[in-house]
Amino acid sequence: MRMNEALLALTEAVRLACLEIECYYDDRCRGTPEGTIKRLTELLCNKDMNAAMALVLGDQESPPMVPEHEGEMHHA
């Protein structure tokens, strides 16, 4: 999986999760807590999402690529 594919997969999962939550609160959908949690789990807790998150997050303990210095301004 490439970075752009991972970002697309994560974005789509968040979009679908938001729709599931909206459906839960919409009387026309009549979502149940159990059904909503089940669908959210299927969307967000799977090997594809885990792989995408691992790719996007990488090594969280590594320092930033460009260190930030307070009060320091760069002019072009």
PDB file of N, CA and C in Angstrom:
ATOM      1  N   MET A   1       0.850  -1.176   0.000  1.00  0.00           N
ATOM      2  CA  MET A   1       0.000   0.000   0.000  1.00  0.00           C
ATOM      3  C   MET A   1       0.894   1.237   0.000  1.00  0.00           C
ATOM      4  N   ARG A   2       0.595   2.165  -0.878  1.00  0.00           N
ATOM      5  CA  ARG A   2       1.342   3.406  -0.944  1.00  0.00           C
ATOM      6  C   ARG A   2       0.675   4.467  -0.070  1.00  0.00           C
ATOM      7  N   MET A   3       1.404   5.542   0.214  1.00  0.00           N
ATOM      8  CA  MET A   3       0.899   6.586   1.100  1.00  0.00           C
ATOM      9  C   MET A   3      -0.414   7.174   0.595  1.00  0.00           C
ATOM     10  N   ASN A   4      -0.510   7.478  -0.703  1.00  0.00           N
ATOM     11  CA  ASN A   4      -1.747   8.070  -1.206  1.00  0.00           C
ATOM     12  C   ASN A   4      -2.918   7.097  -1.083  1.00  0.00           C
ATOM     13  N   GLU A   5      -2.664   5.809  -1.258  1.00  0.00           N
ATOM     14  CA  GLU A   5      -3.720   4.803  -1.083  1.00  0.00           C
ATOM     15  C   GLU A   5      -4.139   4.711   0.380  1.00  0.00           C
ATOM     16  N   ALA A   6      -3.162   4.806   1.283  1.00  0.00           N
ATOM     17  CA  ALA A   6      -3.462   4.752   2.717  1.00  0.00           C
ATOM     18  C   ALA A   6      -4.306   5.951   3.128  1.00  0.00           C
ATOM     19  N   LEU A   7      -3.936   7.132   2.654  1.00  0.00           N
ATOM     20  CA  LEU A   7      -4.699   8.336   2.995  1.00  0.00           C
ATOM     21  C   LEU A   7      -6.112   8.271   2.425  1.00  0.00           C
ATOM     22  N   LEU A   8      -6.245   7.768   1.218  1.00  0.00           N
ATOM     23  CA  LEU A   8      -7.565   7.623   0.614  1.00  0.00           C
ATOM     24  C   LEU A   8      -8.417   6.629   1.401  1.00  0.00           C
ATOM     25  N   ALA A   9      -7.839   5.509   1.791  1.00  0.00           N
ATOM     26  CA  ALA A   9      -8.570   4.499   2.564  1.00  0.00           C
ATOM     27  C   ALA A   9      -9.013   5.052   3.922  1.00  0.00           C
ATOM     28  N   LEU A  10      -8.127   5.775   4.590  1.00  0.00           N
ATOM     29  CA  LEU A  10      -8.469   6.342   5.891  1.00  0.00           C
ATOM     30  C   LEU A  10      -9.546   7.421   5.765  1.00  0.00           C
ATOM     31  N   THR A  11      -9.423   8.254   4.745  1.00  0.00           N
ATOM     32  CA  THR A  11     -10.430   9.301   4.517  1.00  0.00           C
ATOM     33  C   THR A  11     -11.794   8.695   4.242  1.00  0.00           C
ATOM     34  N   GLU A  12     -11.833   7.670   3.425  1.00  0.00           N
ATOM     35  CA  GLU A  12     -13.102   7.015   3.103  1.00  0.00           C
ATOM     36  C   GLU A  12     -13.686   6.331   4.340  1.00  0.00           C
ATOM     37  N   ALA A  13     -12.851   5.726   5.156  1.00  0.00           N
ATOM     38  CA  ALA A  13     -13.336   5.081   6.380  1.00  0.00           C
ATOM     39  C   ALA A  13     -13.938   6.110   7.334  1.00  0.00           C
ATOM     40  N   VAL A  14     -13.306   7.265   7.452  1.00  0.00           N
ATOM     41  CA  VAL A  14     -13.847   8.325   8.321  1.00  0.00           C
ATOM     42  C   VAL A  14     -15.165   8.838   7.759  1.00  0.00           C
ATOM     43  N   ARG A  15     -15.236   9.015   6.440  1.00  0.00           N
ATOM     44  CA  ARG A  15     -16.481   9.480   5.810  1.00  0.00           C
ATOM     45  C   ARG A  15     -17.624   8.500   6.086  1.00  0.00           C
ATOM     46  N   LEU A  16     -17.360   7.222   5.891  1.00  0.00           N
ATOM     47  CA  LEU A  16     -18.397   6.212   6.133  1.00  0.00           C
ATOM     48  C   LEU A  16     -18.755   6.111   7.611  1.00  0.00           C
ATOM     49  N   ALA A  17     -17.769   6.264   8.484  1.00  0.00           N
ATOM     50  CA  ALA A  17     -18.045   6.236   9.927  1.00  0.00           C
ATOM     51  C   ALA A  17     -18.953   7.403  10.313  1.00  0.00           C
ATOM     52  N   CYS A  18     -18.712   8.567   9.733  1.00  0.00           N
ATOM     53  CA  CYS A  18     -19.572   9.728  10.010  1.00  0.00           C
ATOM     54  C   CYS A  18     -21.001   9.460   9.553  1.00  0.00           C
ATOM     55  N   LEU A  19     -21.156   8.830   8.397  1.00  0.00           N
ATOM     56  CA  LEU A  19     -22.500   8.478   7.921  1.00  0.00           C
ATOM     57  C   LEU A  19     -23.186   7.494   8.861  1.00  0.00           C
ATOM     58  N   GLU A  20     -22.426   6.536   9.374  1.00  0.00           N
ATOM     59  CA  GLU A  20     -23.000   5.575  10.328  1.00  0.00           C
ATOM     60  C   GLU A  20     -23.481   6.290  11.590  1.00  0.00           C
ATOM     61  N   ILE A  21     -22.699   7.219  12.079  1.00  0.00           N
ATOM     62  CA  ILE A  21     -23.084   7.959  13.292  1.00  0.00           C
ATOM     63  C   ILE A  21     -24.305   8.831  13.018  1.00  0.00           C
ATOM     64  N   GLU A  22     -24.335   9.485  11.855  1.00  0.00           N
ATOM     65  CA  GLU A  22     -25.519  10.277  11.487  1.00  0.00           C
ATOM     66  C   GLU A  22     -26.756   9.392  11.416  1.00  0.00           C
ATOM     67  N   CYS A  23     -26.609   8.209  10.846  1.00  0.00           N
ATOM     68  CA  CYS A  23     -27.725   7.281  10.729  1.00  0.00           C
ATOM     69  C   CYS A  23     -28.235   6.864  12.113  1.00  0.00           C
ATOM     70  N   TYR A  24     -27.324   6.695  13.042  1.00  0.00           N
ATOM     71  CA  TYR A  24     -27.717   6.305  14.397  1.00  0.00           C
ATOM     72  C   TYR A  24     -28.662   7.349  15.004  1.00  0.00           C
ATOM     73  N   TYR A  25     -28.384   8.626  14.756  1.00  0.00           N
ATOM     74  CA  TYR A  25     -29.198   9.692  15.334  1.00  0.00           C
ATOM     75  C   TYR A  25     -30.411  10.059  14.485  1.00  0.00           C
ATOM     76  N   ASP A  26     -30.509   9.517  13.281  1.00  0.00           N
ATOM     77  CA  ASP A  26     -31.619   9.810  12.382  1.00  0.00           C
ATOM     78  C   ASP A  26     -32.741   8.804  12.609  1.00  0.00           C
ATOM     79  N   ASP A  27     -33.919   9.303  12.953  1.00  0.00           N
ATOM     80  CA  ASP A  27     -35.058   8.412  13.218  1.00  0.00           C
ATOM     81  C   ASP A  27     -35.443   7.581  12.000  1.00  0.00           C
ATOM     82  N   ARG A  28     -35.146   8.073  10.794  1.00  0.00           N
ATOM     83  CA  ARG A  28     -35.493   7.324   9.585  1.00  0.00           C
ATOM     84  C   ARG A  28     -34.637   6.071   9.439  1.00  0.00           C
ATOM     85  N   CYS A  29     -33.404   6.113   9.946  1.00  0.00           N
ATOM     86  CA  CYS A  29     -32.512   4.945   9.857  1.00  0.00           C
ATOM     87  C   CYS A  29     -32.751   3.985  11.014  1.00  0.00           C
ATOM     88  N   ARG A  30     -33.086   4.547  12.153  1.00  0.00           N
ATOM     89  CA  ARG A  30     -33.336   3.759  13.368  1.00  0.00           C
ATOM     90  C   ARG A  30     -32.175   2.825  13.700  1.00  0.00           C
ATOM     91  N   GLY A  31     -30.981   3.384  13.683  1.00  0.00           N
ATOM     92  CA  GLY A  31     -29.812   2.580  14.023  1.00  0.00           C
ATOM     93  C   GLY A  31     -29.799   2.224  15.504  1.00  0.00           C
ATOM     94  N   THR A  32     -29.391   1.020  15.802  1.00  0.00           N
ATOM     95  CA  THR A  32     -29.269   0.589  17.190  1.00  0.00           C
ATOM     96  C   THR A  32     -27.819   0.772  17.629  1.00  0.00           C
ATOM     97  N   PRO A  33     -27.590   0.923  18.930  1.00  0.00           N
ATOM     98  CA  PRO A  33     -26.201   1.024  19.392  1.00  0.00           C
ATOM     99  C   PRO A  33     -25.367  -0.181  18.953  1.00  0.00           C
ATOM    100  N   GLU A  34     -25.922  -1.363  19.091  1.00  0.00           N
ATOM    101  CA  GLU A  34     -25.185  -2.576  18.726  1.00  0.00           C
ATOM    102  C   GLU A  34     -24.857  -2.614  17.239  1.00  0.00           C
ATOM    103  N   GLY A  35     -25.838  -2.272  16.409  1.00  0.00           N
ATOM    104  CA  GLY A  35     -25.618  -2.278  14.964  1.00  0.00           C
ATOM    105  C   GLY A  35     -24.614  -1.221  14.539  1.00  0.00           C
ATOM    106  N   THR A  36     -24.702  -0.044  15.151  1.00  0.00           N
ATOM    107  CA  THR A  36     -23.773   1.026  14.819  1.00  0.00           C
ATOM    108  C   THR A  36     -22.354   0.654  15.219  1.00  0.00           C
ATOM    109  N   ILE A  37     -22.176   0.121  16.400  1.00  0.00           N
ATOM    110  CA  ILE A  37     -20.844  -0.288  16.852  1.00  0.00           C
ATOM    111  C   ILE A  37     -20.301  -1.399  15.965  1.00  0.00           C
ATOM    112  N   LYS A  38     -21.153  -2.328  15.581  1.00  0.00           N
ATOM    113  CA  LYS A  38     -20.727  -3.428  14.702  1.00  0.00           C
ATOM    114  C   LYS A  38     -20.227  -2.879  13.371  1.00  0.00           C
ATOM    115  N   ARG A  39     -20.985  -1.966  12.755  1.00  0.00           N
ATOM    116  CA  ARG A  39     -20.584  -1.407  11.461  1.00  0.00           C
ATOM    117  C   ARG A  39     -19.332  -0.539  11.594  1.00  0.00           C
ATOM    118  N   LEU A  40     -19.232   0.237  12.676  1.00  0.00           N
ATOM    119  CA  LEU A  40     -18.025   1.042  12.887  1.00  0.00           C
ATOM    120  C   LEU A  40     -16.801   0.158  13.081  1.00  0.00           C
ATOM    121  N   THR A  41     -16.976  -0.931  13.795  1.00  0.00           N
ATOM    122  CA  THR A  41     -15.876  -1.879  14.006  1.00  0.00           C
ATOM    123  C   THR A  41     -15.428  -2.484  12.685  1.00  0.00           C
ATOM    124  N   GLU A  42     -16.402  -2.867  11.847  1.00  0.00           N
ATOM    125  CA  GLU A  42     -16.065  -3.424  10.534  1.00  0.00           C
ATOM    126  C   GLU A  42     -15.317  -2.409   9.675  1.00  0.00           C
ATOM    127  N   LEU A  43     -15.715  -1.145   9.766  1.00  0.00           N
ATOM    128  CA  LEU A  43     -15.079  -0.097   8.971  1.00  0.00           C
ATOM    129  C   LEU A  43     -13.673   0.245   9.449  1.00  0.00           C
ATOM    130  N   LEU A  44     -13.506   0.341  10.765  1.00  0.00           N
ATOM    131  CA  LEU A  44     -12.290   0.924  11.320  1.00  0.00           C
ATOM    132  C   LEU A  44     -11.299  -0.073  11.904  1.00  0.00           C
ATOM    133  N   CYS A  45     -11.749  -1.257  12.240  1.00  0.00           N
ATOM    134  CA  CYS A  45     -10.878  -2.222  12.924  1.00  0.00           C
ATOM    135  C   CYS A  45     -10.639  -3.439  12.041  1.00  0.00           C
ATOM    136  N   ASN A  46      -9.841  -3.256  11.016  1.00  0.00           N
ATOM    137  CA  ASN A  46      -9.521  -4.367  10.133  1.00  0.00           C
ATOM    138  C   ASN A  46      -8.082  -4.232   9.661  1.00  0.00           C
ATOM    139  N   LYS A  47      -7.601  -5.248   8.982  1.00  0.00           N
ATOM    140  CA  LYS A  47      -6.185  -5.273   8.597  1.00  0.00           C
ATOM    141  C   LYS A  47      -5.833  -4.153   7.627  1.00  0.00           C
ATOM    142  N   ASP A  48      -6.761  -3.767   6.763  1.00  0.00           N
ATOM    143  CA  ASP A  48      -6.476  -2.684   5.821  1.00  0.00           C
ATOM    144  C   ASP A  48      -6.308  -1.346   6.537  1.00  0.00           C
ATOM    145  N   MET A  49      -7.186  -1.070   7.499  1.00  0.00           N
ATOM    146  CA  MET A  49      -7.078   0.176   8.262  1.00  0.00           C
ATOM    147  C   MET A  49      -5.822   0.164   9.131  1.00  0.00           C
ATOM    148  N   ASN A  50      -5.510  -0.982   9.710  1.00  0.00           N
ATOM    149  CA  ASN A  50      -4.291  -1.086  10.520  1.00  0.00           C
ATOM    150  C   ASN A  50      -3.052  -0.825   9.663  1.00  0.00           C
ATOM    151  N   ALA A  51      -3.030  -1.371   8.455  1.00  0.00           N
ATOM    152  CA  ALA A  51      -1.888  -1.165   7.560  1.00  0.00           C
ATOM    153  C   ALA A  51      -1.797   0.298   7.137  1.00  0.00           C
ATOM    154  N   ALA A  52      -2.940   0.906   6.838  1.00  0.00           N
ATOM    155  CA  ALA A  52      -2.949   2.313   6.437  1.00  0.00           C
ATOM    156  C   ALA A  52      -2.472   3.207   7.577  1.00  0.00           C
ATOM    157  N   MET A  53      -2.946   2.939   8.789  1.00  0.00           N
ATOM    158  CA  MET A  53      -2.528   3.737   9.952  1.00  0.00           C
ATOM    159  C   MET A  53      -1.036   3.571  10.197  1.00  0.00           C
ATOM    160  N   ALA A  54      -0.534   2.360  10.078  1.00  0.00           N
ATOM    161  CA  ALA A  54       0.892   2.116  10.309  1.00  0.00           C
ATOM    162  C   ALA A  54       1.733   2.873   9.283  1.00  0.00           C
ATOM    163  N   LEU A  55       1.273   2.900   8.045  1.00  0.00           N
ATOM    164  CA  LEU A  55       2.008   3.603   7.004  1.00  0.00           C
ATOM    165  C   LEU A  55       1.989   5.114   7.229  1.00  0.00           C
ATOM    166  N   VAL A  56       0.830   5.649   7.558  1.00  0.00           N
ATOM    167  CA  VAL A  56       0.703   7.097   7.747  1.00  0.00           C
ATOM    168  C   VAL A  56       1.438   7.555   8.998  1.00  0.00           C
ATOM    169  N   LEU A  57       1.298   6.804  10.080  1.00  0.00           N
ATOM    170  CA  LEU A  57       1.927   7.226  11.333  1.00  0.00           C
ATOM    171  C   LEU A  57       3.408   6.907  11.378  1.00  0.00           C
ATOM    172  N   GLY A  58       3.799   5.832  10.737  1.00  0.00           N
ATOM    173  CA  GLY A  58       5.206   5.458  10.753  1.00  0.00           C
ATOM    174  C   GLY A  58       5.712   5.288  12.176  1.00  0.00           C
ATOM    175  N   ASP A  59       6.931   5.701  12.405  1.00  0.00           N
ATOM    176  CA  ASP A  59       7.536   5.631  13.735  1.00  0.00           C
ATOM    177  C   ASP A  59       7.221   6.919  14.479  1.00  0.00           C
ATOM    178  N   GLN A  60       6.255   6.867  15.360  1.00  0.00           N
ATOM    179  CA  GLN A  60       5.808   8.064  16.068  1.00  0.00           C
ATOM    180  C   GLN A  60       6.874   8.652  16.973  1.00  0.00           C
ATOM    181  N   GLU A  61       7.857   7.881  17.360  1.00  0.00           N
ATOM    182  CA  GLU A  61       8.856   8.375  18.291  1.00  0.00           C
ATOM    183  C   GLU A  61      10.017   9.082  17.592  1.00  0.00           C
ATOM    184  N   SER A  62      10.006   9.095  16.270  1.00  0.00           N
ATOM    185  CA  SER A  62      11.096   9.771  15.577  1.00  0.00           C
ATOM    186  C   SER A  62      10.892  11.285  15.648  1.00  0.00           C
ATOM    187  N   PRO A  63      11.974  12.047  15.658  1.00  0.00           N
ATOM    188  CA  PRO A  63      11.855  13.502  15.740  1.00  0.00           C
ATOM    189  C   PRO A  63      11.292  14.068  14.444  1.00  0.00           C
ATOM    190  N   PRO A  64      10.756  15.277  14.476  1.00  0.00           N
ATOM    191  CA  PRO A  64      10.235  15.870  13.259  1.00  0.00           C
ATOM    192  C   PRO A  64      11.357  16.081  12.248  1.00  0.00           C
ATOM    193  N   MET A  65      11.008  16.078  10.975  1.00  0.00           N
ATOM    194  CA  MET A  65      11.995  16.252   9.915  1.00  0.00           C
ATOM    195  C   MET A  65      12.698  17.605  10.021  1.00  0.00           C
ATOM    196  N   VAL A  66      11.923  18.643  10.336  1.00  0.00           N
ATOM    197  CA  VAL A  66      12.489  19.979  10.495  1.00  0.00           C
ATOM    198  C   VAL A  66      12.177  20.421  11.917  1.00  0.00           C
ATOM    199  N   PRO A  67      13.191  20.530  12.767  1.00  0.00           N
ATOM    200  CA  PRO A  67      12.926  20.933  14.144  1.00  0.00           C
ATOM    201  C   PRO A  67      12.359  22.347  14.203  1.00  0.00           C
ATOM    202  N   GLU A  68      11.407  22.539  15.102  1.00  0.00           N
ATOM    203  CA  GLU A  68      10.807  23.852  15.280  1.00  0.00           C
ATOM    204  C   GLU A  68      11.553  24.584  16.387  1.00  0.00           C
ATOM    205  N   HIS A  69      11.866  25.833  16.135  1.00  0.00           N
ATOM    206  CA  HIS A  69      12.528  26.670  17.127  1.00  0.00           C
ATOM    207  C   HIS A  69      11.623  27.847  17.432  1.00  0.00           C
ATOM    208  N   GLU A  70      11.273  28.005  18.686  1.00  0.00           N
ATOM    209  CA  GLU A  70      10.393  29.099  19.091  1.00  0.00           C
ATOM    210  C   GLU A  70      11.031  30.438  18.823  1.00  0.00           C
ATOM    211  N   GLY A  71      10.227  31.347  18.309  1.00  0.00           N
ATOM    212  CA  GLY A  71      10.674  32.714  18.117  1.00  0.00           C
ATOM    213  C   GLY A  71      11.588  32.905  16.930  1.00  0.00           C
ATOM    214  N   GLU A  72      11.932  31.857  16.237  1.00  0.00           N
ATOM    215  CA  GLU A  72      12.844  31.964  15.099  1.00  0.00           C
ATOM    216  C   GLU A  72      12.036  32.150  13.832  1.00  0.00           C
ATOM    217  N   MET A  73      12.349  33.190  13.089  1.00  0.00           N
ATOM    218  CA  MET A  73      11.639  33.458  11.840  1.00  0.00           C
ATOM    219  C   MET A  73      12.621  33.411  10.696  1.00  0.00           C
ATOM    220  N   HIS A  74      12.219  32.807   9.605  1.00  0.00           N
ATOM    221  CA  HIS A  74      13.062  32.728   8.419  1.00  0.00           C
ATOM    222  C   HIS A  74      12.457  33.598   7.334  1.00  0.00           C
ATOM    223  N   HIS A  75      13.253  34.363   6.670  1.00  0.00           N
ATOM    224  CA  HIS A  75      12.790  35.204   5.575  1.00  0.00           C
ATOM    225  C   HIS A  75      13.417  34.706   4.284  1.00  0.00           C
ATOM    226  N   ALA A  76      12.616  34.703   3.242  1.00  0.00           N
ATOM    227  CA  ALA A  76      13.108  34.240   1.927  1.00  0.00           C
ATOM    228  C   ALA A  76      13.918  35.316   1.246  1.00  0.00           C
TER     229      ALA A  76
END
